[in-house]
């Protein structure tokens, strides 16, 4: 289980690092746009992303990964 957590964290860091390395100006744009979204909407988007992530992890674990 710990190895899977380490793998998942590494994958997230690679994807996040790609955004910073390949498109830093787009990131500034995205942050400005996100600042215009109400806090509650951002919270709901975060909760939906966490739920989807938990479902995907559950599916991967049940598939034997």
PDB file of N, CA and C in Angstrom:
ATOM      1  N   UNK A   1       0.820  -1.198   0.000  1.00  0.00           N
ATOM      2  CA  UNK A   1       0.000   0.000   0.000  1.00  0.00           C
ATOM      3  C   UNK A   1       0.865   1.265   0.000  1.00  0.00           C
ATOM      4  N   UNK A   2       1.937   1.242   0.790  1.00  0.00           N
ATOM      5  CA  UNK A   2       2.827   2.395   0.847  1.00  0.00           C
ATOM      6  C   UNK A   2       3.515   2.656  -0.477  1.00  0.00           C
ATOM      7  N   UNK A   3       3.854   1.570  -1.174  1.00  0.00           N
ATOM      8  CA  UNK A   3       4.493   1.714  -2.478  1.00  0.00           C
ATOM      9  C   UNK A   3       3.536   2.351  -3.487  1.00  0.00           C
ATOM     10  N   UNK A   4       2.257   1.976  -3.408  1.00  0.00           N
ATOM     11  CA  UNK A   4       1.263   2.556  -4.304  1.00  0.00           C
ATOM     12  C   UNK A   4       1.077   4.054  -4.027  1.00  0.00           C
ATOM     13  N   UNK A   5       1.098   4.416  -2.744  1.00  0.00           N
ATOM     14  CA  UNK A   5       0.984   5.827  -2.375  1.00  0.00           C
ATOM     15  C   UNK A   5       2.175   6.617  -2.901  1.00  0.00           C
ATOM     16  N   UNK A   6       3.353   6.048  -2.770  1.00  0.00           N
ATOM     17  CA  UNK A   6       4.561   6.698  -3.274  1.00  0.00           C
ATOM     18  C   UNK A   6       4.505   6.862  -4.795  1.00  0.00           C
ATOM     19  N   UNK A   7       4.044   5.832  -5.478  1.00  0.00           N
ATOM     20  CA  UNK A   7       3.901   5.895  -6.930  1.00  0.00           C
ATOM     21  C   UNK A   7       2.901   6.983  -7.335  1.00  0.00           C
ATOM     22  N   UNK A   8       1.761   7.023  -6.659  1.00  0.00           N
ATOM     23  CA  UNK A   8       0.744   8.035  -6.967  1.00  0.00           C
ATOM     24  C   UNK A   8       1.256   9.446  -6.731  1.00  0.00           C
ATOM     25  N   UNK A   9       1.940   9.654  -5.624  1.00  0.00           N
ATOM     26  CA  UNK A   9       2.486  10.977  -5.319  1.00  0.00           C
ATOM     27  C   UNK A   9       3.519  11.384  -6.367  1.00  0.00           C
ATOM     28  N   UNK A  10       4.355  10.442  -6.768  1.00  0.00           N
ATOM     29  CA  UNK A  10       5.344  10.728  -7.806  1.00  0.00           C
ATOM     30  C   UNK A  10       4.698  11.115  -9.122  1.00  0.00           C
ATOM     31  N   UNK A  11       3.624  10.418  -9.486  1.00  0.00           N
ATOM     32  CA  UNK A  11       2.930  10.731 -10.741  1.00  0.00           C
ATOM     33  C   UNK A  11       2.306  12.122 -10.688  1.00  0.00           C
ATOM     34  N   UNK A  12       1.716  12.480  -9.554  1.00  0.00           N
ATOM     35  CA  UNK A  12       1.129  13.812  -9.415  1.00  0.00           C
ATOM     36  C   UNK A  12       2.209  14.879  -9.548  1.00  0.00           C
ATOM     37  N   UNK A  13       3.355  14.662  -8.911  1.00  0.00           N
ATOM     38  CA  UNK A  13       4.429  15.647  -8.981  1.00  0.00           C
ATOM     39  C   UNK A  13       4.967  15.803 -10.400  1.00  0.00           C
ATOM     40  N   UNK A  14       5.040  14.711 -11.153  1.00  0.00           N
ATOM     41  CA  UNK A  14       5.497  14.803 -12.543  1.00  0.00           C
ATOM     42  C   UNK A  14       4.522  15.650 -13.354  1.00  0.00           C
ATOM     43  N   UNK A  15       3.232  15.390 -13.227  1.00  0.00           N
ATOM     44  CA  UNK A  15       2.233  16.145 -13.995  1.00  0.00           C
ATOM     45  C   UNK A  15       2.242  17.616 -13.587  1.00  0.00           C
ATOM     46  N   UNK A  16       2.289  17.874 -12.277  1.00  0.00           N
ATOM     47  CA  UNK A  16       2.320  19.263 -11.811  1.00  0.00           C
ATOM     48  C   UNK A  16       3.596  19.961 -12.279  1.00  0.00           C
ATOM     49  N   UNK A  17       4.702  19.254 -12.238  1.00  0.00           N
ATOM     50  CA  UNK A  17       5.967  19.836 -12.684  1.00  0.00           C
ATOM     51  C   UNK A  17       5.959  20.176 -14.161  1.00  0.00           C
ATOM     52  N   UNK A  18       5.287  19.354 -14.959  1.00  0.00           N
ATOM     53  CA  UNK A  18       5.181  19.639 -16.396  1.00  0.00           C
ATOM     54  C   UNK A  18       4.485  20.973 -16.644  1.00  0.00           C
ATOM     55  N   UNK A  19       3.432  21.250 -15.876  1.00  0.00           N
ATOM     56  CA  UNK A  19       2.714  22.520 -16.045  1.00  0.00           C
ATOM     57  C   UNK A  19       3.643  23.684 -15.760  1.00  0.00           C
ATOM     58  N   UNK A  20       4.388  23.601 -14.670  1.00  0.00           N
ATOM     59  CA  UNK A  20       5.299  24.692 -14.313  1.00  0.00           C
ATOM     60  C   UNK A  20       6.438  24.824 -15.319  1.00  0.00           C
ATOM     61  N   UNK A  21       6.950  23.715 -15.829  1.00  0.00           N
ATOM     62  CA  UNK A  21       8.100  23.752 -16.727  1.00  0.00           C
ATOM     63  C   UNK A  21       7.735  24.157 -18.151  1.00  0.00           C
ATOM     64  N   UNK A  22       6.586  23.683 -18.635  1.00  0.00           N
ATOM     65  CA  UNK A  22       6.258  23.897 -20.046  1.00  0.00           C
ATOM     66  C   UNK A  22       5.379  25.115 -20.307  1.00  0.00           C
ATOM     67  N   UNK A  23       4.599  25.537 -19.337  1.00  0.00           N
ATOM     68  CA  UNK A  23       3.663  26.634 -19.602  1.00  0.00           C
ATOM     69  C   UNK A  23       3.503  27.547 -18.388  1.00  0.00           C
ATOM     70  N   UNK A  24       4.579  28.168 -17.909  1.00  0.00           N
ATOM     71  CA  UNK A  24       4.446  29.020 -16.720  1.00  0.00           C
ATOM     72  C   UNK A  24       3.550  30.239 -16.946  1.00  0.00           C
ATOM     73  N   UNK A  25       3.533  30.791 -18.147  1.00  0.00           N
ATOM     74  CA  UNK A  25       2.678  31.958 -18.393  1.00  0.00           C
ATOM     75  C   UNK A  25       1.207  31.550 -18.416  1.00  0.00           C
ATOM     76  N   UNK A  26       0.924  30.359 -18.919  1.00  0.00           N
ATOM     77  CA  UNK A  26      -0.457  29.849 -18.891  1.00  0.00           C
ATOM     78  C   UNK A  26      -0.932  29.628 -17.468  1.00  0.00           C
ATOM     79  N   UNK A  27       0.007  29.252 -16.595  1.00  0.00           N
ATOM     80  CA  UNK A  27      -0.334  29.046 -15.199  1.00  0.00           C
ATOM     81  C   UNK A  27      -0.773  30.365 -14.561  1.00  0.00           C
ATOM     82  N   UNK A  28      -0.086  31.452 -14.896  1.00  0.00           N
ATOM     83  CA  UNK A  28      -0.502  32.773 -14.391  1.00  0.00           C
ATOM     84  C   UNK A  28      -1.909  33.101 -14.853  1.00  0.00           C
ATOM     85  N   UNK A  29      -2.186  32.817 -16.117  1.00  0.00           N
ATOM     86  CA  UNK A  29      -3.521  33.047 -16.675  1.00  0.00           C
ATOM     87  C   UNK A  29      -4.572  32.225 -15.936  1.00  0.00           C
ATOM     88  N   UNK A  30      -4.259  30.963 -15.716  1.00  0.00           N
ATOM     89  CA  UNK A  30      -5.184  30.064 -15.044  1.00  0.00           C
ATOM     90  C   UNK A  30      -5.468  30.527 -13.624  1.00  0.00           C
ATOM     91  N   UNK A  31      -4.439  30.988 -12.927  1.00  0.00           N
ATOM     92  CA  UNK A  31      -4.641  31.468 -11.562  1.00  0.00           C
ATOM     93  C   UNK A  31      -5.521  32.716 -11.533  1.00  0.00           C
ATOM     94  N   UNK A  32      -5.347  33.595 -12.513  1.00  0.00           N
ATOM     95  CA  UNK A  32      -6.224  34.779 -12.587  1.00  0.00           C
ATOM     96  C   UNK A  32      -7.666  34.364 -12.832  1.00  0.00           C
ATOM     97  N   UNK A  33      -7.868  33.392 -13.725  1.00  0.00           N
ATOM     98  CA  UNK A  33      -9.226  32.922 -14.002  1.00  0.00           C
ATOM     99  C   UNK A  33      -9.842  32.231 -12.790  1.00  0.00           C
ATOM    100  N   UNK A  34      -9.043  31.436 -12.097  1.00  0.00           N
ATOM    101  CA  UNK A  34      -9.559  30.737 -10.923  1.00  0.00           C
ATOM    102  C   UNK A  34      -9.924  31.703  -9.805  1.00  0.00           C
ATOM    103  N   UNK A  35      -9.232  32.826  -9.760  1.00  0.00           N
ATOM    104  CA  UNK A  35      -9.533  33.827  -8.742  1.00  0.00           C
ATOM    105  C   UNK A  35     -10.925  34.421  -8.943  1.00  0.00           C
ATOM    106  N   UNK A  36     -11.451  34.342 -10.163  1.00  0.00           N
ATOM    107  CA  UNK A  36     -12.778  34.879 -10.459  1.00  0.00           C
ATOM    108  C   UNK A  36     -13.898  33.896 -10.105  1.00  0.00           C
ATOM    109  N   UNK A  37     -13.546  32.633  -9.894  1.00  0.00           N
ATOM    110  CA  UNK A  37     -14.545  31.626  -9.533  1.00  0.00           C
ATOM    111  C   UNK A  37     -14.836  31.754  -8.039  1.00  0.00           C
ATOM    112  N   UNK A  38     -16.108  31.745  -7.655  1.00  0.00           N
ATOM    113  CA  UNK A  38     -16.435  31.848  -6.223  1.00  0.00           C
ATOM    114  C   UNK A  38     -15.799  30.717  -5.406  1.00  0.00           C
ATOM    115  N   UNK A  39     -15.490  31.020  -4.148  1.00  0.00           N
ATOM    116  CA  UNK A  39     -14.812  30.075  -3.269  1.00  0.00           C
ATOM    117  C   UNK A  39     -15.602  28.768  -3.150  1.00  0.00           C
ATOM    118  N   UNK A  40     -16.909  28.850  -2.979  1.00  0.00           N
ATOM    119  CA  UNK A  40     -17.721  27.640  -2.823  1.00  0.00           C
ATOM    120  C   UNK A  40     -17.655  26.754  -4.067  1.00  0.00           C
ATOM    121  N   UNK A  41     -17.621  27.374  -5.237  1.00  0.00           N
ATOM    122  CA  UNK A  41     -17.524  26.598  -6.476  1.00  0.00           C
ATOM    123  C   UNK A  41     -16.180  25.904  -6.556  1.00  0.00           C
ATOM    124  N   UNK A  42     -15.109  26.601  -6.182  1.00  0.00           N
ATOM    125  CA  UNK A  42     -13.785  25.982  -6.162  1.00  0.00           C
ATOM    126  C   UNK A  42     -13.741  24.823  -5.182  1.00  0.00           C
ATOM    127  N   UNK A  43     -14.404  24.999  -4.040  1.00  0.00           N
ATOM    128  CA  UNK A  43     -14.444  23.929  -3.042  1.00  0.00           C
ATOM    129  C   UNK A  43     -15.168  22.705  -3.610  1.00  0.00           C
ATOM    130  N   UNK A  44     -16.288  22.930  -4.302  1.00  0.00           N
ATOM    131  CA  UNK A  44     -17.025  21.818  -4.897  1.00  0.00           C
ATOM    132  C   UNK A  44     -16.217  21.122  -5.985  1.00  0.00           C
ATOM    133  N   UNK A  45     -15.478  21.887  -6.777  1.00  0.00           N
ATOM    134  CA  UNK A  45     -14.612  21.294  -7.803  1.00  0.00           C
ATOM    135  C   UNK A  45     -13.544  20.426  -7.134  1.00  0.00           C
ATOM    136  N   UNK A  46     -12.958  20.913  -6.052  1.00  0.00           N
ATOM    137  CA  UNK A  46     -11.953  20.140  -5.322  1.00  0.00           C
ATOM    138  C   UNK A  46     -12.527  18.864  -4.735  1.00  0.00           C
ATOM    139  N   UNK A  47     -13.722  18.953  -4.159  1.00  0.00           N
ATOM    140  CA  UNK A  47     -14.370  17.765  -3.595  1.00  0.00           C
ATOM    141  C   UNK A  47     -14.706  16.757  -4.687  1.00  0.00           C
ATOM    142  N   UNK A  48     -15.158  17.238  -5.833  1.00  0.00           N
ATOM    143  CA  UNK A  48     -15.468  16.337  -6.947  1.00  0.00           C
ATOM    144  C   UNK A  48     -14.198  15.657  -7.447  1.00  0.00           C
ATOM    145  N   UNK A  49     -13.093  16.401  -7.526  1.00  0.00           N
ATOM    146  CA  UNK A  49     -11.824  15.822  -7.975  1.00  0.00           C
ATOM    147  C   UNK A  49     -11.334  14.770  -6.981  1.00  0.00           C
ATOM    148  N   UNK A  50     -11.463  15.061  -5.684  1.00  0.00           N
ATOM    149  CA  UNK A  50     -11.046  14.090  -4.675  1.00  0.00           C
ATOM    150  C   UNK A  50     -11.899  12.829  -4.740  1.00  0.00           C
ATOM    151  N   UNK A  51     -13.200  12.996  -4.933  1.00  0.00           N
ATOM    152  CA  UNK A  51     -14.094  11.848  -5.030  1.00  0.00           C
ATOM    153  C   UNK A  51     -13.752  10.997  -6.239  1.00  0.00           C
ATOM    154  N   UNK A  52     -13.547  11.643  -7.378  1.00  0.00           N
ATOM    155  CA  UNK A  52     -13.182  10.906  -8.586  1.00  0.00           C
ATOM    156  C   UNK A  52     -11.848  10.185  -8.390  1.00  0.00           C
ATOM    157  N   UNK A  53     -10.891  10.842  -7.768  1.00  0.00           N
ATOM    158  CA  UNK A  53      -9.605  10.210  -7.494  1.00  0.00           C
ATOM    159  C   UNK A  53      -9.754   8.992  -6.589  1.00  0.00           C
ATOM    160  N   UNK A  54     -10.580   9.110  -5.547  1.00  0.00           N
ATOM    161  CA  UNK A  54     -10.795   7.977  -4.645  1.00  0.00           C
ATOM    162  C   UNK A  54     -11.457   6.813  -5.369  1.00  0.00           C
ATOM    163  N   UNK A  55     -12.405   7.109  -6.261  1.00  0.00           N
ATOM    164  CA  UNK A  55     -13.066   6.054  -7.035  1.00  0.00           C
ATOM    165  C   UNK A  55     -12.058   5.370  -7.955  1.00  0.00           C
ATOM    166  N   UNK A  56     -11.213   6.152  -8.617  1.00  0.00           N
ATOM    167  CA  UNK A  56     -10.203   5.570  -9.504  1.00  0.00           C
ATOM    168  C   UNK A  56      -9.202   4.710  -8.733  1.00  0.00           C
ATOM    169  N   UNK A  57      -8.798   5.173  -7.568  1.00  0.00           N
ATOM    170  CA  UNK A  57      -7.889   4.383  -6.737  1.00  0.00           C
ATOM    171  C   UNK A  57      -8.557   3.083  -6.304  1.00  0.00           C
ATOM    172  N   UNK A  58      -9.813   3.171  -5.913  1.00  0.00           N
ATOM    173  CA  UNK A  58     -10.558   1.989  -5.507  1.00  0.00           C
ATOM    174  C   UNK A  58     -10.668   0.983  -6.646  1.00  0.00           C
ATOM    175  N   UNK A  59     -10.951   1.482  -7.847  1.00  0.00           N
ATOM    176  CA  UNK A  59     -11.026   0.595  -9.016  1.00  0.00           C
ATOM    177  C   UNK A  59      -9.676  -0.068  -9.298  1.00  0.00           C
ATOM    178  N   UNK A  60      -8.600   0.694  -9.186  1.00  0.00           N
ATOM    179  CA  UNK A  60      -7.268   0.151  -9.434  1.00  0.00           C
ATOM    180  C   UNK A  60      -6.930  -0.924  -8.404  1.00  0.00           C
ATOM    181  N   UNK A  61      -7.258  -0.680  -7.151  1.00  0.00           N
ATOM    182  CA  UNK A  61      -6.971  -1.648  -6.087  1.00  0.00           C
ATOM    183  C   UNK A  61      -7.801  -2.914  -6.289  1.00  0.00           C
ATOM    184  N   UNK A  62      -9.073  -2.753  -6.642  1.00  0.00           N
ATOM    185  CA  UNK A  62      -9.920  -3.931  -6.845  1.00  0.00           C
ATOM    186  C   UNK A  62      -9.518  -4.714  -8.092  1.00  0.00           C
ATOM    187  N   UNK A  63      -8.835  -4.057  -9.034  1.00  0.00           N
ATOM    188  CA  UNK A  63      -8.359  -4.743 -10.225  1.00  0.00           C
ATOM    189  C   UNK A  63      -7.042  -5.471  -9.982  1.00  0.00           C
ATOM    190  N   UNK A  64      -6.491  -5.277  -8.780  1.00  0.00           N
ATOM    191  CA  UNK A  64      -5.280  -6.009  -8.422  1.00  0.00           C
ATOM    192  C   UNK A  64      -3.990  -5.243  -8.605  1.00  0.00           C
ATOM    193  N   UNK A  65      -4.054  -3.953  -8.793  1.00  0.00           N
ATOM    194  CA  UNK A  65      -2.821  -3.171  -8.949  1.00  0.00           C
ATOM    195  C   UNK A  65      -2.224  -2.821  -7.612  1.00  0.00           C
TER     196      UNK A  65
END
